Amino acid sequence: MKLIFSALTKAIVGMVFVGLLLFLPAWTVNYPGAWLFMALLFVPMVILGVVLFIKAPELLEKRLNHKEKEKTQQGVIAFSALIFPAGFILSALDFRFGWSTVPMWLVIAASVIFLFGYMMYAEVMRENAYLSRTVEVQENQTVISTGLYGIVRHPMYLATFLMFLPLPLILGSFYGLIPFALYPVIIVIRILNEEKVLVEGLAGYEEYKKKVKYRLIPFIW
């Protein structure tokens, strides 16, 4: 019951927070892009949460943990806490004042990419029972090298790229892309620090790095 209460509380708080960041700057609830994004984000989130609660409650508990110990990661999280609200607010202001217009085909394409990223995210969670929201080496943790982890070393972050980078387009804004352009920078910093932690604390990770050469994008990096 404690886990259910924690998950529901964070989901509701997240919905309210995102709603305020979008509808207040837009100064209207008649904001189709905002409703579309919230549906794309929270409906799969609730479904995934229910599946995790039934099949892997330990993993759900890990995903609800936000207490980062690494100082570098704390800085990454703090920077992310600025990027996302800035992107939401700028997109909402764009809608309110009509600074830019995103064609419907691009909104649809961005939504499809977002959902594909969500599906990839769910697959990563299925493959890796040690997937935590914090950078740490857990007890009895082993290196995962199959599935998506056999293609790139950090498929979860690739999934977030597909989810977050097209997000302003779903909201109907080109200007909202400006803050989100910084997201790849913070992910690169997070990955480099995370790999340092894993090399130092996770047996077999150095060998895994030699086997799977690319961190994030195949044949690029």
C-alpha atoms as a PDB file:
ATOM      1  CA  MET A   1       0.000   0.000   0.000  1.00  0.00           C
ATOM      2  CA  LYS A   2       2.902   2.338   0.727  1.00  0.00           C
ATOM      3  CA  LEU A   3       4.278   1.745  -2.778  1.00  0.00           C
ATOM      4  CA  ILE A   4       0.856   2.328  -4.374  1.00  0.00           C
ATOM      5  CA  PHE A   5       0.389   5.544  -2.394  1.00  0.00           C
ATOM      6  CA  SER A   6       3.866   6.786  -3.347  1.00  0.00           C
ATOM      7  CA  ALA A   7       3.347   6.025  -7.042  1.00  0.00           C
ATOM      8  CA  LEU A   8      -0.121   7.605  -7.166  1.00  0.00           C
ATOM      9  CA  THR A   9       1.029  10.689  -5.259  1.00  0.00           C
ATOM     10  CA  LYS A  10       3.967  11.292  -7.595  1.00  0.00           C
ATOM     11  CA  ALA A  11       1.804  10.720 -10.678  1.00  0.00           C
ATOM     12  CA  ILE A  12      -0.857  13.178  -9.496  1.00  0.00           C
ATOM     13  CA  VAL A  13       1.717  15.770  -8.437  1.00  0.00           C
ATOM     14  CA  GLY A  14       3.422  15.368 -11.824  1.00  0.00           C
ATOM     15  CA  MET A  15       0.154  15.886 -13.705  1.00  0.00           C
ATOM     16  CA  VAL A  16      -0.705  18.989 -11.700  1.00  0.00           C
ATOM     17  CA  PHE A  17       2.803  20.418 -12.042  1.00  0.00           C
ATOM     18  CA  VAL A  18       2.998  19.881 -15.812  1.00  0.00           C
ATOM     19  CA  GLY A  19      -0.539  21.202 -16.198  1.00  0.00           C
ATOM     20  CA  LEU A  20       0.341  24.404 -14.345  1.00  0.00           C
ATOM     21  CA  LEU A  21       3.509  24.885 -16.398  1.00  0.00           C
ATOM     22  CA  LEU A  22       1.495  24.617 -19.623  1.00  0.00           C
ATOM     23  CA  PHE A  23      -1.945  26.056 -18.986  1.00  0.00           C
ATOM     24  CA  LEU A  24      -0.968  29.041 -16.852  1.00  0.00           C
ATOM     25  CA  PRO A  25       1.486  30.565 -19.379  1.00  0.00           C
ATOM     26  CA  ALA A  26      -0.967  29.738 -22.180  1.00  0.00           C
ATOM     27  CA  TRP A  27      -3.654  31.413 -20.037  1.00  0.00           C
ATOM     28  CA  THR A  28      -6.246  28.925 -21.273  1.00  0.00           C
ATOM     29  CA  VAL A  29      -7.157  25.284 -20.898  1.00  0.00           C
ATOM     30  CA  ASN A  30      -8.082  25.262 -24.593  1.00  0.00           C
ATOM     31  CA  TYR A  31      -4.557  24.214 -25.518  1.00  0.00           C
ATOM     32  CA  PRO A  32      -4.773  21.071 -27.691  1.00  0.00           C
ATOM     33  CA  GLY A  33      -1.035  20.450 -27.745  1.00  0.00           C
ATOM     34  CA  ALA A  34      -0.868  20.441 -23.956  1.00  0.00           C
ATOM     35  CA  TRP A  35      -3.710  17.928 -23.661  1.00  0.00           C
ATOM     36  CA  LEU A  36      -2.124  15.753 -26.339  1.00  0.00           C
ATOM     37  CA  PHE A  37       1.251  15.752 -24.593  1.00  0.00           C
ATOM     38  CA  MET A  38      -0.235  15.008 -21.175  1.00  0.00           C
ATOM     39  CA  ALA A  39      -2.185  12.080 -22.648  1.00  0.00           C
ATOM     40  CA  LEU A  40       0.930  10.730 -24.393  1.00  0.00           C
ATOM     41  CA  LEU A  41       2.971  11.083 -21.204  1.00  0.00           C
ATOM     42  CA  PHE A  42       0.669  10.043 -18.381  1.00  0.00           C
ATOM     43  CA  VAL A  43      -1.571   7.345 -19.903  1.00  0.00           C
ATOM     44  CA  PRO A  44       1.400   5.060 -20.759  1.00  0.00           C
ATOM     45  CA  MET A  45       2.989   6.034 -17.436  1.00  0.00           C
ATOM     46  CA  VAL A  46      -0.009   4.780 -15.477  1.00  0.00           C
ATOM     47  CA  ILE A  47      -0.188   1.583 -17.549  1.00  0.00           C
ATOM     48  CA  LEU A  48       3.542   0.957 -17.083  1.00  0.00           C
ATOM     49  CA  GLY A  49       3.240   1.660 -13.370  1.00  0.00           C
ATOM     50  CA  VAL A  50       0.453  -0.910 -12.986  1.00  0.00           C
ATOM     51  CA  VAL A  51       2.464  -3.523 -14.930  1.00  0.00           C
ATOM     52  CA  LEU A  52       5.553  -2.885 -12.799  1.00  0.00           C
ATOM     53  CA  PHE A  53       3.542  -3.053  -9.576  1.00  0.00           C
ATOM     54  CA  ILE A  54       2.186  -6.467 -10.582  1.00  0.00           C
ATOM     55  CA  LYS A  55       5.312  -7.989 -12.128  1.00  0.00           C
ATOM     56  CA  ALA A  56       8.286  -6.078 -10.679  1.00  0.00           C
ATOM     57  CA  PRO A  57       7.415  -3.998  -7.596  1.00  0.00           C
ATOM     58  CA  GLU A  58      11.109  -3.761  -6.646  1.00  0.00           C
ATOM     59  CA  LEU A  59      11.890  -2.069  -9.957  1.00  0.00           C
ATOM     60  CA  LEU A  60       8.955   0.311  -9.510  1.00  0.00           C
ATOM     61  CA  GLU A  61      10.321   1.284  -6.113  1.00  0.00           C
ATOM     62  CA  LYS A  62      13.743   1.958  -7.644  1.00  0.00           C
ATOM     63  CA  ARG A  63      12.167   4.139 -10.356  1.00  0.00           C
ATOM     64  CA  LEU A  64      10.462   6.214  -7.664  1.00  0.00           C
ATOM     65  CA  ASN A  65      13.761   6.890  -5.924  1.00  0.00           C
ATOM     66  CA  HIS A  66      15.111  10.386  -6.703  1.00  0.00           C
ATOM     67  CA  LYS A  67      17.853  10.593  -4.066  1.00  0.00           C
ATOM     68  CA  GLU A  68      21.004  10.972  -6.139  1.00  0.00           C
ATOM     69  CA  LYS A  69      24.295  10.582  -4.262  1.00  0.00           C
ATOM     70  CA  GLU A  70      26.801  11.482  -6.996  1.00  0.00           C
ATOM     71  CA  LYS A  71      27.603  15.219  -6.975  1.00  0.00           C
ATOM     72  CA  THR A  72      27.951  15.336 -10.758  1.00  0.00           C
ATOM     73  CA  GLN A  73      24.549  13.714 -11.122  1.00  0.00           C
ATOM     74  CA  GLN A  74      23.035  16.134  -8.632  1.00  0.00           C
ATOM     75  CA  GLY A  75      24.190  18.962 -10.882  1.00  0.00           C
ATOM     76  CA  VAL A  76      22.726  17.211 -13.935  1.00  0.00           C
ATOM     77  CA  ILE A  77      19.363  16.829 -12.198  1.00  0.00           C
ATOM     78  CA  ALA A  78      19.389  20.475 -11.092  1.00  0.00           C
ATOM     79  CA  PHE A  79      20.108  21.615 -14.657  1.00  0.00           C
ATOM     80  CA  SER A  80      17.336  19.352 -15.969  1.00  0.00           C
ATOM     81  CA  ALA A  81      14.984  20.941 -13.452  1.00  0.00           C
ATOM     82  CA  LEU A  82      15.580  24.237 -15.262  1.00  0.00           C
ATOM     83  CA  ILE A  83      15.475  22.970 -18.854  1.00  0.00           C
ATOM     84  CA  PHE A  84      12.134  21.207 -18.728  1.00  0.00           C
ATOM     85  CA  PRO A  85      10.048  23.971 -17.082  1.00  0.00           C
ATOM     86  CA  ALA A  86      11.702  26.522 -19.401  1.00  0.00           C
ATOM     87  CA  GLY A  87      10.763  24.423 -22.432  1.00  0.00           C
ATOM     88  CA  PHE A  88       7.183  23.957 -21.239  1.00  0.00           C
ATOM     89  CA  ILE A  89       6.671  27.624 -20.400  1.00  0.00           C
ATOM     90  CA  LEU A  90       8.243  28.867 -23.629  1.00  0.00           C
ATOM     91  CA  SER A  91       6.099  26.459 -25.669  1.00  0.00           C
ATOM     92  CA  ALA A  92       2.962  27.610 -23.859  1.00  0.00           C
ATOM     93  CA  LEU A  93       3.826  31.276 -24.399  1.00  0.00           C
ATOM     94  CA  ASP A  94       4.444  30.475 -28.057  1.00  0.00           C
ATOM     95  CA  PHE A  95       0.926  29.033 -28.278  1.00  0.00           C
ATOM     96  CA  ARG A  96      -0.571  32.020 -26.444  1.00  0.00           C
ATOM     97  CA  PHE A  97       1.040  34.680 -28.583  1.00  0.00           C
ATOM     98  CA  GLY A  98       1.267  32.738 -31.842  1.00  0.00           C
ATOM     99  CA  TRP A  99       4.986  33.116 -32.392  1.00  0.00           C
ATOM    100  CA  SER A 100       5.272  29.942 -34.492  1.00  0.00           C
ATOM    101  CA  THR A 101       3.043  27.325 -36.086  1.00  0.00           C
ATOM    102  CA  VAL A 102       3.948  23.647 -36.257  1.00  0.00           C
ATOM    103  CA  PRO A 103       2.218  21.823 -39.134  1.00  0.00           C
ATOM    104  CA  MET A 104      -0.070  18.963 -38.112  1.00  0.00           C
ATOM    105  CA  TRP A 105       2.006  16.351 -39.924  1.00  0.00           C
ATOM    106  CA  LEU A 106       5.013  17.319 -37.815  1.00  0.00           C
ATOM    107  CA  VAL A 107       2.957  17.186 -34.599  1.00  0.00           C
ATOM    108  CA  ILE A 108       1.828  13.673 -35.551  1.00  0.00           C
ATOM    109  CA  ALA A 109       5.370  12.606 -36.454  1.00  0.00           C
ATOM    110  CA  ALA A 110       6.695  13.974 -33.147  1.00  0.00           C
ATOM    111  CA  SER A 111       3.955  12.098 -31.272  1.00  0.00           C
ATOM    112  CA  VAL A 112       4.839   8.837 -33.020  1.00  0.00           C
ATOM    113  CA  ILE A 113       8.536   9.308 -32.193  1.00  0.00           C
ATOM    114  CA  PHE A 114       7.611  10.062 -28.573  1.00  0.00           C
ATOM    115  CA  LEU A 115       5.563   6.860 -28.275  1.00  0.00           C
ATOM    116  CA  PHE A 116       8.330   4.851 -29.946  1.00  0.00           C
ATOM    117  CA  GLY A 117      10.750   6.229 -27.363  1.00  0.00           C
ATOM    118  CA  TYR A 118       8.299   5.257 -24.616  1.00  0.00           C
ATOM    119  CA  MET A 119       8.125   1.703 -25.996  1.00  0.00           C
ATOM    120  CA  MET A 120      11.920   1.540 -26.049  1.00  0.00           C
ATOM    121  CA  TYR A 121      11.993   2.830 -22.469  1.00  0.00           C
ATOM    122  CA  ALA A 122       9.589   0.069 -21.388  1.00  0.00           C
ATOM    123  CA  GLU A 123      11.706  -2.559 -23.176  1.00  0.00           C
ATOM    124  CA  VAL A 124      14.837  -1.330 -21.375  1.00  0.00           C
ATOM    125  CA  MET A 125      13.021  -1.668 -18.069  1.00  0.00           C
ATOM    126  CA  ARG A 126      12.007  -5.214 -19.010  1.00  0.00           C
ATOM    127  CA  GLU A 127      15.603  -6.117 -19.865  1.00  0.00           C
ATOM    128  CA  ASN A 128      17.310  -4.486 -16.883  1.00  0.00           C
ATOM    129  CA  ALA A 129      15.967  -5.211 -13.416  1.00  0.00           C
ATOM    130  CA  TYR A 130      18.720  -2.992 -11.925  1.00  0.00           C
ATOM    131  CA  LEU A 131      17.450   0.126 -13.700  1.00  0.00           C
ATOM    132  CA  SER A 132      17.383   2.895 -11.129  1.00  0.00           C
ATOM    133  CA  ARG A 133      16.784   6.614 -11.483  1.00  0.00           C
ATOM    134  CA  THR A 134      19.986   7.224  -9.562  1.00  0.00           C
ATOM    135  CA  VAL A 135      23.541   6.376 -10.609  1.00  0.00           C
ATOM    136  CA  GLU A 136      24.676   3.572  -8.329  1.00  0.00           C
ATOM    137  CA  VAL A 137      25.975   0.010  -8.281  1.00  0.00           C
ATOM    138  CA  GLN A 138      23.431  -2.212  -6.555  1.00  0.00           C
ATOM    139  CA  GLU A 139      23.962  -5.378  -4.533  1.00  0.00           C
ATOM    140  CA  ASN A 140      24.379  -8.455  -6.734  1.00  0.00           C
ATOM    141  CA  GLN A 141      24.149  -6.293  -9.866  1.00  0.00           C
ATOM    142  CA  THR A 142      25.441  -7.863 -13.074  1.00  0.00           C
ATOM    143  CA  VAL A 143      26.225  -6.419 -16.499  1.00  0.00           C
ATOM    144  CA  ILE A 144      23.331  -6.602 -18.966  1.00  0.00           C
ATOM    145  CA  SER A 145      24.652  -7.130 -22.503  1.00  0.00           C
ATOM    146  CA  THR A 146      21.672  -8.574 -24.388  1.00  0.00           C
ATOM    147  CA  GLY A 147      18.815  -6.974 -26.325  1.00  0.00           C
ATOM    148  CA  LEU A 148      19.146  -3.224 -26.689  1.00  0.00           C
ATOM    149  CA  TYR A 149      22.180  -3.334 -24.389  1.00  0.00           C
ATOM    150  CA  GLY A 150      23.942  -5.333 -27.084  1.00  0.00           C
ATOM    151  CA  ILE A 151      23.570  -2.372 -29.485  1.00  0.00           C
ATOM    152  CA  VAL A 152      24.376   0.623 -27.272  1.00  0.00           C
ATOM    153  CA  ARG A 153      25.501   0.809 -23.655  1.00  0.00           C
ATOM    154  CA  HIS A 154      22.822   3.293 -22.588  1.00  0.00           C
ATOM    155  CA  PRO A 155      19.581   2.520 -24.450  1.00  0.00           C
ATOM    156  CA  MET A 156      17.503   4.182 -21.735  1.00  0.00           C
ATOM    157  CA  TYR A 157      19.052   7.560 -22.505  1.00  0.00           C
ATOM    158  CA  LEU A 158      18.521   6.990 -26.217  1.00  0.00           C
ATOM    159  CA  ALA A 159      14.853   6.372 -25.407  1.00  0.00           C
ATOM    160  CA  THR A 160      14.662   9.659 -23.510  1.00  0.00           C
ATOM    161  CA  PHE A 161      16.181  11.438 -26.516  1.00  0.00           C
ATOM    162  CA  LEU A 162      13.336  10.139 -28.668  1.00  0.00           C
ATOM    163  CA  MET A 163      10.811  11.199 -26.032  1.00  0.00           C
ATOM    164  CA  PHE A 164      12.028  14.611 -24.959  1.00  0.00           C
ATOM    165  CA  LEU A 165      13.640  16.223 -28.006  1.00  0.00           C
ATOM    166  CA  PRO A 166      10.408  16.253 -30.104  1.00  0.00           C
ATOM    167  CA  LEU A 167       8.338  17.297 -27.086  1.00  0.00           C
ATOM    168  CA  PRO A 168       7.977  21.012 -28.001  1.00  0.00           C
ATOM    169  CA  LEU A 169       6.724  20.002 -31.453  1.00  0.00           C
ATOM    170  CA  ILE A 170       3.926  18.021 -29.785  1.00  0.00           C
ATOM    171  CA  LEU A 171       3.098  21.209 -27.899  1.00  0.00           C
ATOM    172  CA  GLY A 172       2.993  23.058 -31.220  1.00  0.00           C
ATOM    173  CA  SER A 173       6.078  25.187 -30.715  1.00  0.00           C
ATOM    174  CA  PHE A 174       9.381  25.669 -32.503  1.00  0.00           C
ATOM    175  CA  TYR A 175      10.669  28.109 -29.879  1.00  0.00           C
ATOM    176  CA  GLY A 176      10.313  25.471 -27.175  1.00  0.00           C
ATOM    177  CA  LEU A 177      13.085  23.518 -28.895  1.00  0.00           C
ATOM    178  CA  ILE A 178      15.641  26.084 -27.707  1.00  0.00           C
ATOM    179  CA  PRO A 179      15.852  24.957 -24.041  1.00  0.00           C
ATOM    180  CA  PHE A 180      15.579  21.280 -24.990  1.00  0.00           C
ATOM    181  CA  ALA A 181      18.603  21.650 -27.277  1.00  0.00           C
ATOM    182  CA  LEU A 182      20.648  21.595 -24.054  1.00  0.00           C
ATOM    183  CA  TYR A 183      19.295  18.165 -23.071  1.00  0.00           C
ATOM    184  CA  PRO A 184      21.909  16.195 -25.084  1.00  0.00           C
ATOM    185  CA  VAL A 185      24.659  18.088 -23.260  1.00  0.00           C
ATOM    186  CA  ILE A 186      23.469  17.067 -19.806  1.00  0.00           C
ATOM    187  CA  ILE A 187      22.911  13.474 -20.939  1.00  0.00           C
ATOM    188  CA  VAL A 188      26.500  13.254 -22.227  1.00  0.00           C
ATOM    189  CA  ILE A 189      27.747  14.535 -18.847  1.00  0.00           C
ATOM    190  CA  ARG A 190      25.529  12.034 -17.023  1.00  0.00           C
ATOM    191  CA  ILE A 191      26.708   9.107 -19.163  1.00  0.00           C
ATOM    192  CA  LEU A 192      30.412   9.903 -18.742  1.00  0.00           C
ATOM    193  CA  ASN A 193      30.038  10.107 -14.968  1.00  0.00           C
ATOM    194  CA  GLU A 194      27.829   7.017 -14.829  1.00  0.00           C
ATOM    195  CA  GLU A 195      30.358   4.947 -16.750  1.00  0.00           C
ATOM    196  CA  LYS A 196      33.091   6.051 -14.367  1.00  0.00           C
ATOM    197  CA  VAL A 197      31.002   4.788 -11.439  1.00  0.00           C
ATOM    198  CA  LEU A 198      30.194   1.510 -13.199  1.00  0.00           C
ATOM    199  CA  VAL A 199      33.803   0.818 -14.206  1.00  0.00           C
ATOM    200  CA  GLU A 200      34.921   1.343 -10.620  1.00  0.00           C
ATOM    201  CA  GLY A 201      32.148  -0.627  -8.940  1.00  0.00           C
ATOM    202  CA  LEU A 202      30.593  -3.143 -11.357  1.00  0.00           C
ATOM    203  CA  ALA A 203      32.534  -6.287 -12.214  1.00  0.00           C
ATOM    204  CA  GLY A 204      32.701  -6.968 -15.949  1.00  0.00           C
ATOM    205  CA  TYR A 205      31.728  -3.489 -17.089  1.00  0.00           C
ATOM    206  CA  GLU A 206      35.159  -2.717 -18.552  1.00  0.00           C
ATOM    207  CA  GLU A 207      34.904  -5.841 -20.717  1.00  0.00           C
ATOM    208  CA  TYR A 208      31.347  -4.877 -21.696  1.00  0.00           C
ATOM    209  CA  LYS A 209      32.632  -1.503 -22.919  1.00  0.00           C
ATOM    210  CA  LYS A 210      35.032  -3.294 -25.244  1.00  0.00           C
ATOM    211  CA  LYS A 211      32.251  -5.542 -26.535  1.00  0.00           C
ATOM    212  CA  VAL A 212      29.672  -2.775 -27.096  1.00  0.00           C
ATOM    213  CA  LYS A 213      31.588   0.202 -28.444  1.00  0.00           C
ATOM    214  CA  TYR A 214      28.863   2.813 -28.724  1.00  0.00           C
ATOM    215  CA  ARG A 215      27.428   4.588 -25.721  1.00  0.00           C
ATOM    216  CA  LEU A 216      24.286   6.184 -27.114  1.00  0.00           C
ATOM    217  CA  ILE A 217      23.936   6.247 -30.910  1.00  0.00           C
ATOM    218  CA  PRO A 218      25.172   3.320 -33.054  1.00  0.00           C
ATOM    219  CA  PHE A 219      28.186   4.168 -35.265  1.00  0.00           C
ATOM    220  CA  ILE A 220      28.321   7.730 -33.886  1.00  0.00           C
ATOM    221  CA  TRP A 221      29.030   7.811 -30.100  1.00  0.00           C
END
